[in-house]
């Protein structure tokens, strides 16, 4: 069923499709963008997009091309309301150069995550590939290969490029000069040119290309309703079925940069809050500014607002939507978490196991499970056609009435080493402290190990999807109709 759906989509849109055992590779000829599907069963499979400009078409360093293509891919699929994507860079197989982008994986993070099933989702992934190709040709057709001898060249004024890059670094990082490893370059031909700056400090990128910027403002403009909810520090974005967070300070800095670079002539910029990047387009420049702006950040900021509103709602209107026992029975809470995890995409339901009664010492693990997850950071291998890896997770469940902090959990890396696990998950009945959240995010970002966490917000989101579990666990959590 899955293969038939993919074949149908490839034929409908003129894509090449290659089957390699349990893997499928699809894309347009000569395009730097490919769709990879990794099949578990006909009812469960994982998908990601891959971006890498080939040396046959573009000689020399292709960091600027990979940066531009992959970020435009994110923006196109977000604008279409299809997927929110998280990126992970692939290291060069032969050398490590600071700032170089050899290739990028782009994993669907929302609305469903990287795990898929059903013919409809297969077609949606192929439609996404078609959307991306259309936008790439609209915006960057001049930068795509057209004939085998149509190689692009580097031609630039070094002094002008360095002066421009210094202005970028000053506004982004309050530095007078470029950092030693900052990447700067320029690409030009008879029909287009751009300048490119990329920081090795945090991966921020800036392009100067008026022709592409003008097209992007039209091609990537939001055409359907978007709900913006101002919150302290930024804005929550609901662009169904996608959710994002737009950080206010970063947007202010981006607008200030555009004004400096464009001599205060820049009109209203286009701003798209992608999952791991604030995408900003001025009259002449495109800015790709890294930030945690996807569902994780949305949930964190929403939780802050919910805490305040719940307190006020209880006072003014009575009980909230879900009512939890206080204290919560630790054993029943662990059973609830187990039943929710069994239904989580990518989790093997036959491999979710409890480690014994909650009153016994468990060495920092309440549950263990196997979970198919996107490879991130150092876990990615160059030229790998398997961007998803099976992780062995240990799960700690904390049914506490207070915020769970660093002192409440075992040393995370030591615990994973001890149990020969490469993933850690924390599930709490209330909240996680900022310092502990930073530690979990750091583990996930580095990629050697994976990390996941659920607070009461994530638990209640899943309970809304599974009302049968609310009925089963009504002794610890109940839905209250106001």
Protein backbone atom coordinates (compact mmCIF):
# COMPACT_ATOMS: atom_id res chain seq x y z
CA UNK A 1 0.00 0.00 0.00
CA UNK A 2 2.76 2.47 0.96
CA UNK A 3 4.95 1.70 -2.05
CA UNK A 4 1.94 1.98 -4.36
CA UNK A 5 1.05 5.38 -2.90
CA UNK A 6 4.62 6.63 -3.32
CA UNK A 7 4.77 5.34 -6.88
CA UNK A 8 1.50 7.08 -7.65
CA UNK A 9 2.84 10.37 -6.25
CA UNK A 10 6.15 10.06 -8.11
CA UNK A 11 4.38 9.39 -11.39
CA UNK A 12 1.91 12.24 -10.87
CA UNK A 13 4.65 14.80 -10.27
CA UNK A 14 7.39 13.45 -12.52
CA UNK A 15 9.84 12.42 -9.78
CA UNK A 16 12.42 9.67 -9.99
CA UNK A 17 11.90 6.93 -7.39
CA UNK A 18 14.42 4.28 -6.33
CA UNK A 19 13.64 1.33 -4.02
CA UNK A 20 16.48 -0.06 -1.91
CA UNK A 21 15.12 -2.81 0.30
CA UNK A 22 13.22 -1.11 3.11
CA UNK A 23 14.18 2.36 1.86
CA UNK A 24 12.75 4.61 -0.83
CA UNK A 25 14.52 7.60 -2.38
CA UNK A 26 12.55 10.14 -4.44
CA UNK A 27 13.29 13.46 -6.11
CA UNK A 28 13.58 15.49 -9.29
CA UNK A 29 16.55 14.93 -11.55
CA UNK A 30 19.45 17.29 -10.78
CA UNK A 31 17.67 18.72 -7.71
CA UNK A 32 19.58 19.03 -4.43
CA UNK A 33 16.41 17.98 -2.52
CA UNK A 34 15.43 14.34 -1.99
CA UNK A 35 12.71 12.59 0.03
CA UNK A 36 13.89 9.54 2.01
CA UNK A 37 11.41 7.01 3.39
CA UNK A 38 12.57 4.36 5.85
CA UNK A 39 10.00 1.55 6.12
CA UNK A 40 9.36 -0.42 9.30
CA UNK A 41 6.11 -2.03 8.21
CA UNK A 42 3.46 -1.10 5.67
CA UNK A 43 1.61 0.60 8.53
CA UNK A 44 4.63 2.38 10.08
CA UNK A 45 7.38 4.26 8.30
CA UNK A 46 9.59 7.30 8.78
CA UNK A 47 10.37 10.09 6.37
CA UNK A 48 12.77 13.00 6.03
CA UNK A 49 13.98 15.38 3.36
CA UNK A 50 17.69 15.62 2.53
CA UNK A 51 19.51 18.57 0.96
CA UNK A 52 22.96 18.46 -0.62
CA UNK A 53 24.22 20.31 -3.68
CA UNK A 54 26.35 17.93 -5.74
CA UNK A 55 29.91 18.85 -6.75
CA UNK A 56 29.20 17.78 -10.35
CA UNK A 57 26.90 20.77 -10.77
CA UNK A 58 28.50 23.19 -8.34
CA UNK A 59 32.29 22.98 -7.91
CA UNK A 60 34.02 24.13 -4.72
CA UNK A 61 32.48 24.78 -1.32
CA UNK A 62 28.67 24.64 -1.44
CA UNK A 63 27.84 25.83 2.07
CA UNK A 64 25.88 28.80 0.76
CA UNK A 65 23.80 26.66 -1.59
CA UNK A 66 22.99 24.02 1.04
CA UNK A 67 22.12 26.77 3.52
CA UNK A 68 19.82 28.56 1.08
CA UNK A 69 18.12 25.47 -0.39
CA UNK A 70 17.43 23.75 2.95
CA UNK A 71 16.05 26.87 4.65
CA UNK A 72 13.85 27.75 1.68
CA UNK A 73 12.60 24.13 1.85
CA UNK A 74 11.62 24.68 5.51
CA UNK A 75 9.91 27.97 4.69
CA UNK A 76 8.01 26.57 1.71
CA UNK A 77 6.55 23.63 3.63
CA UNK A 78 5.70 25.82 6.63
CA UNK A 79 4.00 28.41 4.41
CA UNK A 80 1.99 25.61 2.74
CA UNK A 81 0.87 24.39 6.19
CA UNK A 82 2.26 20.90 5.52
CA UNK A 83 5.15 20.38 7.92
CA UNK A 84 7.31 22.04 10.53
CA UNK A 85 10.85 20.73 10.05
CA UNK A 86 13.87 20.39 12.32
CA UNK A 87 17.31 20.40 10.69
CA UNK A 88 20.40 18.36 11.46
CA UNK A 89 23.70 18.96 9.68
CA UNK A 90 25.77 16.15 8.21
CA UNK A 91 29.54 16.39 8.81
CA UNK A 92 31.91 16.27 5.86
CA UNK A 93 33.08 12.65 5.38
CA UNK A 94 36.73 13.64 4.79
CA UNK A 95 37.35 16.92 6.63
CA UNK A 96 35.92 19.20 9.29
CA UNK A 97 35.81 22.87 8.34
CA UNK A 98 34.22 25.38 10.75
CA UNK A 99 30.96 26.70 9.39
CA UNK A 100 30.82 24.32 6.44
CA UNK A 101 27.45 22.77 5.55
CA UNK A 102 28.10 19.55 3.64
CA UNK A 103 24.49 18.41 3.78
CA UNK A 104 21.33 18.72 5.89
CA UNK A 105 18.58 16.38 6.98
CA UNK A 106 15.18 17.95 7.58
CA UNK A 107 12.91 15.92 9.85
CA UNK A 108 9.15 16.55 10.11
CA UNK A 109 8.55 17.62 13.71
CA UNK A 110 4.92 18.63 13.32
CA UNK A 111 2.05 18.11 12.95
CA UNK A 112 2.62 14.34 13.51
CA UNK A 113 6.39 14.04 13.86
CA UNK A 114 8.66 11.84 11.73
CA UNK A 115 6.59 8.66 12.16
CA UNK A 116 3.87 8.17 9.52
CA UNK A 117 1.26 5.71 8.37
CA UNK A 118 -1.43 5.62 5.71
CA UNK A 119 -1.72 6.50 2.04
CA UNK A 120 -2.81 10.08 2.76
CA UNK A 121 0.42 10.91 4.60
CA UNK A 122 2.51 9.30 1.85
CA UNK A 123 0.87 11.52 -0.74
CA UNK A 124 1.28 14.57 1.53
CA UNK A 125 5.04 14.02 1.70
CA UNK A 126 5.26 13.82 -2.09
CA UNK A 127 3.06 16.92 -2.43
CA UNK A 128 5.52 18.64 -0.08
CA UNK A 129 8.38 17.72 -2.40
CA UNK A 130 6.47 19.20 -5.35
CA UNK A 131 5.77 22.41 -3.40
CA UNK A 132 9.47 22.74 -2.58
CA UNK A 133 10.56 22.23 -6.19
CA UNK A 134 8.09 24.86 -7.41
CA UNK A 135 9.31 27.43 -4.87
CA UNK A 136 12.98 26.63 -5.54
CA UNK A 137 12.54 27.20 -9.26
CA UNK A 138 10.54 30.36 -8.65
CA UNK A 139 13.07 31.86 -6.25
CA UNK A 140 16.33 30.24 -7.28
CA UNK A 141 15.83 29.03 -10.83
CA UNK A 142 18.87 31.08 -11.84
CA UNK A 143 20.96 29.22 -9.27
CA UNK A 144 19.88 25.73 -10.30
CA UNK A 145 21.87 23.74 -12.88
CA UNK A 146 20.41 23.79 -16.37
CA UNK A 147 23.07 22.19 -18.55
CA UNK A 148 26.00 19.95 -17.73
CA UNK A 149 28.48 22.71 -18.56
CA UNK A 150 26.57 25.38 -16.63
CA UNK A 151 28.87 25.56 -13.59
CA UNK A 152 28.66 28.59 -11.33
CA UNK A 153 31.75 30.48 -10.26
CA UNK A 154 32.95 32.62 -7.34
CA UNK A 155 33.63 36.22 -8.29
CA UNK A 156 33.59 38.96 -5.63
CA UNK A 157 35.12 42.13 -4.26
CA UNK A 158 36.85 40.94 -1.09
CA UNK A 159 36.92 44.36 0.59
CA UNK A 160 33.24 45.04 -0.04
CA UNK A 161 32.31 41.54 1.14
CA UNK A 162 34.31 41.87 4.37
CA UNK A 163 32.86 45.31 5.13
CA UNK A 164 29.33 43.99 4.63
CA UNK A 165 30.01 40.92 6.80
CA UNK A 166 31.43 43.13 9.57
CA UNK A 167 28.17 45.10 9.61
CA UNK A 168 26.22 41.83 9.93
CA UNK A 169 28.38 40.56 12.81
CA UNK A 170 28.11 43.89 14.61
CA UNK A 171 24.31 43.91 14.60
CA UNK A 172 23.90 40.20 15.37
CA UNK A 173 26.54 39.81 18.07
CA UNK A 174 27.66 43.36 18.99
CA UNK A 175 31.13 42.60 17.58
CA UNK A 176 33.27 45.11 15.74
CA UNK A 177 35.02 42.44 13.65
CA UNK A 178 34.34 39.00 12.26
CA UNK A 179 35.14 35.97 14.38
CA UNK A 180 38.09 33.94 13.15
CA UNK A 181 35.98 31.04 11.88
CA UNK A 182 33.02 32.99 10.50
CA UNK A 183 32.14 31.88 6.98
CA UNK A 184 31.81 34.56 4.29
CA UNK A 185 31.51 34.07 0.56
CA UNK A 186 29.94 35.33 -2.63
CA UNK A 187 28.54 33.55 -5.65
CA UNK A 188 27.89 35.23 -8.96
CA UNK A 189 27.24 34.64 -12.64
CA UNK A 190 25.91 36.62 -15.57
CA UNK A 191 22.34 36.58 -14.27
CA UNK A 192 22.52 36.69 -10.44
CA UNK A 193 24.78 37.27 -7.46
CA UNK A 194 24.68 37.02 -3.69
CA UNK A 195 26.77 37.56 -0.60
CA UNK A 196 26.65 35.06 2.24
CA UNK A 197 27.64 35.31 5.90
CA UNK A 198 27.38 32.42 8.34
CA UNK A 199 28.36 32.50 12.00
CA UNK A 200 30.12 29.52 13.52
CA UNK A 201 29.00 30.82 16.92
CA UNK A 202 25.35 29.87 16.51
CA UNK A 203 24.75 29.13 12.81
CA UNK A 204 23.04 32.43 11.96
CA UNK A 205 23.10 33.13 8.22
CA UNK A 206 22.52 36.26 6.15
CA UNK A 207 22.24 36.51 2.36
CA UNK A 208 22.26 39.67 0.31
CA UNK A 209 20.43 39.05 -2.96
CA UNK A 210 17.77 41.66 -3.90
CA UNK A 211 16.38 39.55 -6.77
CA UNK A 212 15.67 36.52 -4.57
CA UNK A 213 14.44 38.65 -1.65
CA UNK A 214 11.87 40.35 -3.87
CA UNK A 215 10.54 37.01 -5.13
CA UNK A 216 10.53 35.45 -1.65
CA UNK A 217 8.29 38.17 -0.23
CA UNK A 218 5.64 37.12 -2.75
CA UNK A 219 6.21 33.36 -3.06
CA UNK A 220 6.38 32.74 0.72
CA UNK A 221 3.80 35.26 1.91
CA UNK A 222 1.10 33.77 4.15
CA UNK A 223 -2.16 33.61 2.21
CA UNK A 224 -4.52 32.16 4.81
CA UNK A 225 -5.49 33.20 8.34
CA UNK A 226 -2.85 32.97 11.04
CA UNK A 227 -3.58 33.40 14.74
CA UNK A 228 -1.04 35.39 16.71
CA UNK A 229 -1.24 35.51 20.50
CA UNK A 230 1.12 37.99 22.19
CA UNK A 231 2.76 36.60 25.32
CA UNK A 232 5.58 38.00 27.47
CA UNK A 233 8.74 37.91 25.36
CA UNK A 234 7.19 36.97 22.03
CA UNK A 235 4.18 35.67 20.12
CA UNK A 236 2.49 32.27 19.95
CA UNK A 237 1.65 31.33 16.36
CA UNK A 238 -1.23 29.02 15.43
CA UNK A 239 -1.12 28.27 11.71
CA UNK A 240 -3.21 25.11 11.65
CA UNK A 241 -2.09 22.45 11.87
CA UNK A 242 1.31 24.01 12.73
CA UNK A 243 2.36 25.82 15.88
CA UNK A 244 5.36 28.07 16.44
CA UNK A 245 6.79 30.71 18.72
CA UNK A 246 8.18 34.04 17.46
CA UNK A 247 10.72 35.53 19.92
CA UNK A 248 10.27 39.28 20.21
CA UNK A 249 13.88 40.23 20.96
CA UNK A 250 15.23 38.22 18.04
CA UNK A 251 12.72 39.77 15.65
CA UNK A 252 13.67 43.25 16.88
CA UNK A 253 17.35 42.49 16.30
CA UNK A 254 16.56 41.16 12.80
CA UNK A 255 14.66 44.33 11.84
CA UNK A 256 17.48 46.48 13.21
CA UNK A 257 19.96 44.52 11.07
CA UNK A 258 17.85 45.01 7.95
CA UNK A 259 17.67 48.75 8.54
CA UNK A 260 21.43 48.97 8.90
CA UNK A 261 22.19 46.87 5.84
CA UNK A 262 19.54 48.51 3.65
CA UNK A 263 20.18 52.09 4.80
CA UNK A 264 16.80 52.37 6.55
CA UNK A 265 15.00 51.88 3.24
CA UNK A 266 13.64 48.41 4.03
CA UNK A 267 9.87 48.04 3.91
CA UNK A 268 7.80 45.65 6.02
CA UNK A 269 9.75 42.39 6.27
CA UNK A 270 8.34 38.91 5.81
CA UNK A 271 8.77 36.92 9.04
CA UNK A 272 8.18 33.16 9.26
CA UNK A 273 8.73 31.45 12.65
CA UNK A 274 10.08 28.07 11.52
CA UNK A 275 10.73 25.23 13.95
CA UNK A 276 14.41 25.99 14.53
CA UNK A 277 14.91 29.26 12.66
CA UNK A 278 13.40 32.73 12.39
CA UNK A 279 13.18 33.32 8.62
CA UNK A 280 13.17 37.05 7.83
CA UNK A 281 13.12 38.65 4.37
CA UNK A 282 13.77 42.32 3.71
CA UNK A 283 13.98 44.20 0.42
CA UNK A 284 17.51 42.98 -0.30
CA UNK A 285 18.40 40.43 2.39
CA UNK A 286 17.32 37.05 3.73
CA UNK A 287 18.08 36.25 7.37
CA UNK A 288 18.12 32.73 8.84
CA UNK A 289 18.40 33.19 12.62
CA UNK A 290 18.50 30.01 14.76
CA UNK A 291 15.97 29.78 17.57
CA UNK A 292 13.87 27.12 19.23
CA UNK A 293 10.59 28.25 17.72
CA UNK A 294 8.66 25.04 17.11
CA UNK A 295 6.27 22.93 19.13
CA UNK A 296 8.64 22.50 22.08
CA UNK A 297 9.05 26.23 22.60
CA UNK A 298 5.37 26.83 21.84
CA UNK A 299 4.45 24.36 24.57
CA UNK A 300 6.88 25.88 27.06
CA UNK A 301 5.62 29.42 26.50
CA UNK A 302 2.01 28.28 26.47
CA UNK A 303 2.56 26.52 29.78
CA UNK A 304 3.74 29.76 31.36
CA UNK A 305 0.59 31.49 30.18
CA UNK A 306 -1.59 28.54 31.20
CA UNK A 307 -0.23 28.56 34.75
CA UNK A 308 -1.35 32.12 35.26
CA UNK A 309 -4.69 31.70 33.49
CA UNK A 310 -5.51 28.48 35.32
CA UNK A 311 -5.06 30.21 38.63
CA UNK A 312 -7.32 33.04 37.52
CA UNK A 313 -9.85 30.69 35.89
CA UNK A 314 -10.26 28.62 39.06
CA UNK A 315 -10.96 31.78 41.01
CA UNK A 316 -13.39 33.22 38.47
CA UNK A 317 -14.99 30.24 36.72
CA UNK A 318 -14.37 27.13 38.82
CA UNK A 319 -12.23 24.03 38.16
CA UNK A 320 -9.97 23.63 35.13
CA UNK A 321 -10.42 21.12 32.29
CA UNK A 322 -8.47 18.32 34.00
CA UNK A 323 -8.36 17.73 37.71
CA UNK A 324 -5.45 15.71 39.13
CA UNK A 325 -5.22 14.04 42.49
CA UNK A 326 -2.78 15.63 44.91
CA UNK A 327 -0.70 13.77 45.78
CA UNK A 328 -0.82 11.52 42.71
CA UNK A 329 -0.34 7.79 43.22
CA UNK A 330 3.13 7.16 41.77
CA UNK A 331 2.31 3.65 40.59
CA UNK A 332 -0.81 4.66 38.73
CA UNK A 333 0.98 7.66 37.22
CA UNK A 334 3.65 5.34 35.86
CA UNK A 335 0.98 3.05 34.39
CA UNK A 336 -0.66 6.05 32.69
CA UNK A 337 2.66 7.11 31.19
CA UNK A 338 3.23 3.57 29.93
CA UNK A 339 -0.17 3.45 28.22
CA UNK A 340 0.44 6.84 26.59
CA UNK A 341 3.89 5.81 25.35
CA UNK A 342 2.50 2.64 23.78
CA UNK A 343 0.40 4.90 21.51
CA UNK A 344 3.24 7.33 20.70
CA UNK A 345 4.37 7.33 17.02
CA UNK A 346 7.64 5.46 16.54
CA UNK A 347 7.44 3.57 19.85
CA UNK A 348 7.40 -0.21 19.58
CA UNK A 349 4.42 -1.11 21.83
CA UNK A 350 5.85 -4.61 22.40
CA UNK A 351 9.06 -3.12 23.80
CA UNK A 352 7.62 -0.83 26.50
CA UNK A 353 8.31 -2.45 29.86
CA UNK A 354 7.99 -1.50 33.51
CA UNK A 355 11.01 -2.13 35.73
CA UNK A 356 9.02 -3.19 38.77
CA UNK A 357 7.04 -1.65 41.64
CA UNK A 358 7.60 2.06 42.19
CA UNK A 359 8.63 1.39 45.80
CA UNK A 360 11.67 -0.63 44.70
CA UNK A 361 15.02 0.89 43.77
CA UNK A 362 15.23 1.03 39.99
CA UNK A 363 18.57 2.76 39.41
CA UNK A 364 16.94 5.78 37.80
CA UNK A 365 14.60 4.00 35.41
CA UNK A 366 10.87 3.34 35.78
CA UNK A 367 10.21 2.22 32.20
CA UNK A 368 12.34 1.11 29.26
CA UNK A 369 11.32 1.24 25.60
CA UNK A 370 12.53 1.23 22.02
CA UNK A 371 11.75 4.34 20.01
CA UNK A 372 12.49 5.15 16.35
CA UNK A 373 13.84 8.71 16.39
CA UNK A 374 15.52 11.15 13.96
CA UNK A 375 19.32 11.07 14.23
CA UNK A 376 20.60 14.45 15.39
CA UNK A 377 24.01 16.06 15.77
CA UNK A 378 26.94 13.65 15.97
CA UNK A 379 24.65 10.63 15.57
CA UNK A 380 24.31 11.42 11.86
CA UNK A 381 26.74 9.73 9.51
CA UNK A 382 27.82 11.24 6.18
CA UNK A 383 25.91 9.84 3.21
CA UNK A 384 23.70 7.81 5.55
CA UNK A 385 20.46 6.75 3.92
CA UNK A 386 19.00 5.85 7.31
CA UNK A 387 18.31 9.18 9.03
CA UNK A 388 16.19 7.44 11.68
CA UNK A 389 17.72 5.25 14.35
CA UNK A 390 16.21 2.95 16.95
CA UNK A 391 16.96 4.31 20.42
CA UNK A 392 16.82 2.42 23.71
CA UNK A 393 15.16 4.83 26.14
CA UNK A 394 14.97 4.78 29.90
CA UNK A 395 12.04 6.70 31.37
CA UNK A 396 11.80 8.40 34.76
CA UNK A 397 8.31 9.28 36.02
CA UNK A 398 7.98 11.98 38.70
CA UNK A 399 4.54 12.32 40.30
CA UNK A 400 5.50 15.36 42.35
CA UNK A 401 3.42 18.32 43.46
CA UNK A 402 6.33 20.72 42.91
CA UNK A 403 8.52 21.70 39.97
CA UNK A 404 11.09 18.99 39.17
CA UNK A 405 14.67 20.28 39.07
CA UNK A 406 18.18 18.97 38.48
CA UNK A 407 18.47 17.66 42.04
CA UNK A 408 15.38 15.45 41.56
CA UNK A 409 16.83 13.29 38.78
CA UNK A 410 19.81 10.95 38.69
CA UNK A 411 22.88 12.03 36.73
CA UNK A 412 21.49 11.65 33.22
CA UNK A 413 24.57 10.51 31.29
CA UNK A 414 25.73 8.17 34.06
CA UNK A 415 22.27 6.61 34.23
CA UNK A 416 22.23 5.99 30.47
CA UNK A 417 25.74 4.54 30.51
CA UNK A 418 24.84 2.27 33.43
CA UNK A 419 21.79 0.85 31.68
CA UNK A 420 23.37 0.80 28.20
CA UNK A 421 20.71 3.18 26.93
CA UNK A 422 21.07 5.97 24.39
CA UNK A 423 17.89 7.87 25.19
CA UNK A 424 16.46 9.47 28.34
CA UNK A 425 12.87 10.58 28.93
CA UNK A 426 11.49 12.49 31.89
CA UNK A 427 7.73 12.64 32.56
CA UNK A 428 6.52 14.89 35.37
CA UNK A 429 3.06 15.54 36.73
CA UNK A 430 3.65 19.28 36.97
CA UNK A 431 6.59 21.28 35.61
CA UNK A 432 10.33 21.07 34.82
CA UNK A 433 12.74 23.76 35.98
CA UNK A 434 14.57 25.91 33.46
CA UNK A 435 18.01 24.55 34.41
CA UNK A 436 16.90 20.94 33.97
CA UNK A 437 15.20 21.79 30.68
CA UNK A 438 18.45 23.35 29.41
CA UNK A 439 20.34 20.18 30.34
CA UNK A 440 17.86 17.96 28.47
CA UNK A 441 17.98 20.21 25.39
CA UNK A 442 21.79 20.10 25.43
CA UNK A 443 21.78 16.28 25.45
CA UNK A 444 19.41 16.20 22.47
CA UNK A 445 21.35 18.84 20.54
CA UNK A 446 24.72 17.05 20.80
CA UNK A 447 23.22 13.90 19.30
CA UNK A 448 25.23 11.13 21.00
CA UNK A 449 22.20 10.54 23.20
CA UNK A 450 18.56 11.51 22.77
CA UNK A 451 16.26 13.21 25.26
CA UNK A 452 12.52 13.75 25.54
CA UNK A 453 10.35 15.28 28.26
CA UNK A 454 6.67 15.65 29.05
CA UNK A 455 5.11 18.01 31.56
CA UNK A 456 1.47 18.28 32.55
CA UNK A 457 0.81 20.26 29.34
CA UNK A 458 2.04 17.42 27.10
CA UNK A 459 0.23 14.82 29.21
CA UNK A 460 -3.08 16.66 28.93
CA UNK A 461 -2.62 17.17 25.18
CA UNK A 462 -2.34 13.39 24.79
CA UNK A 463 -5.24 12.68 27.16
CA UNK A 464 -7.46 14.80 24.91
CA UNK A 465 -6.50 12.51 22.03
CA UNK A 466 -7.21 9.34 24.06
CA UNK A 467 -10.41 9.83 26.13
CA UNK A 468 -10.49 6.10 26.89
CA UNK A 469 -7.38 6.57 29.05
CA UNK A 470 -9.07 9.40 30.96
CA UNK A 471 -11.83 6.93 31.85
CA UNK A 472 -9.32 4.20 32.75
CA UNK A 473 -7.32 6.46 35.06
CA UNK A 474 -10.13 8.51 36.57
CA UNK A 475 -8.76 7.67 40.02
CA UNK A 476 -5.82 10.05 39.41
CA UNK A 477 -7.08 12.43 36.68
CA UNK A 478 -10.57 13.50 35.70
CA UNK A 479 -11.98 15.70 33.00
CA UNK A 480 -14.09 18.48 34.45
CA UNK A 481 -16.81 20.14 32.36
CA UNK A 482 -17.01 23.82 33.28
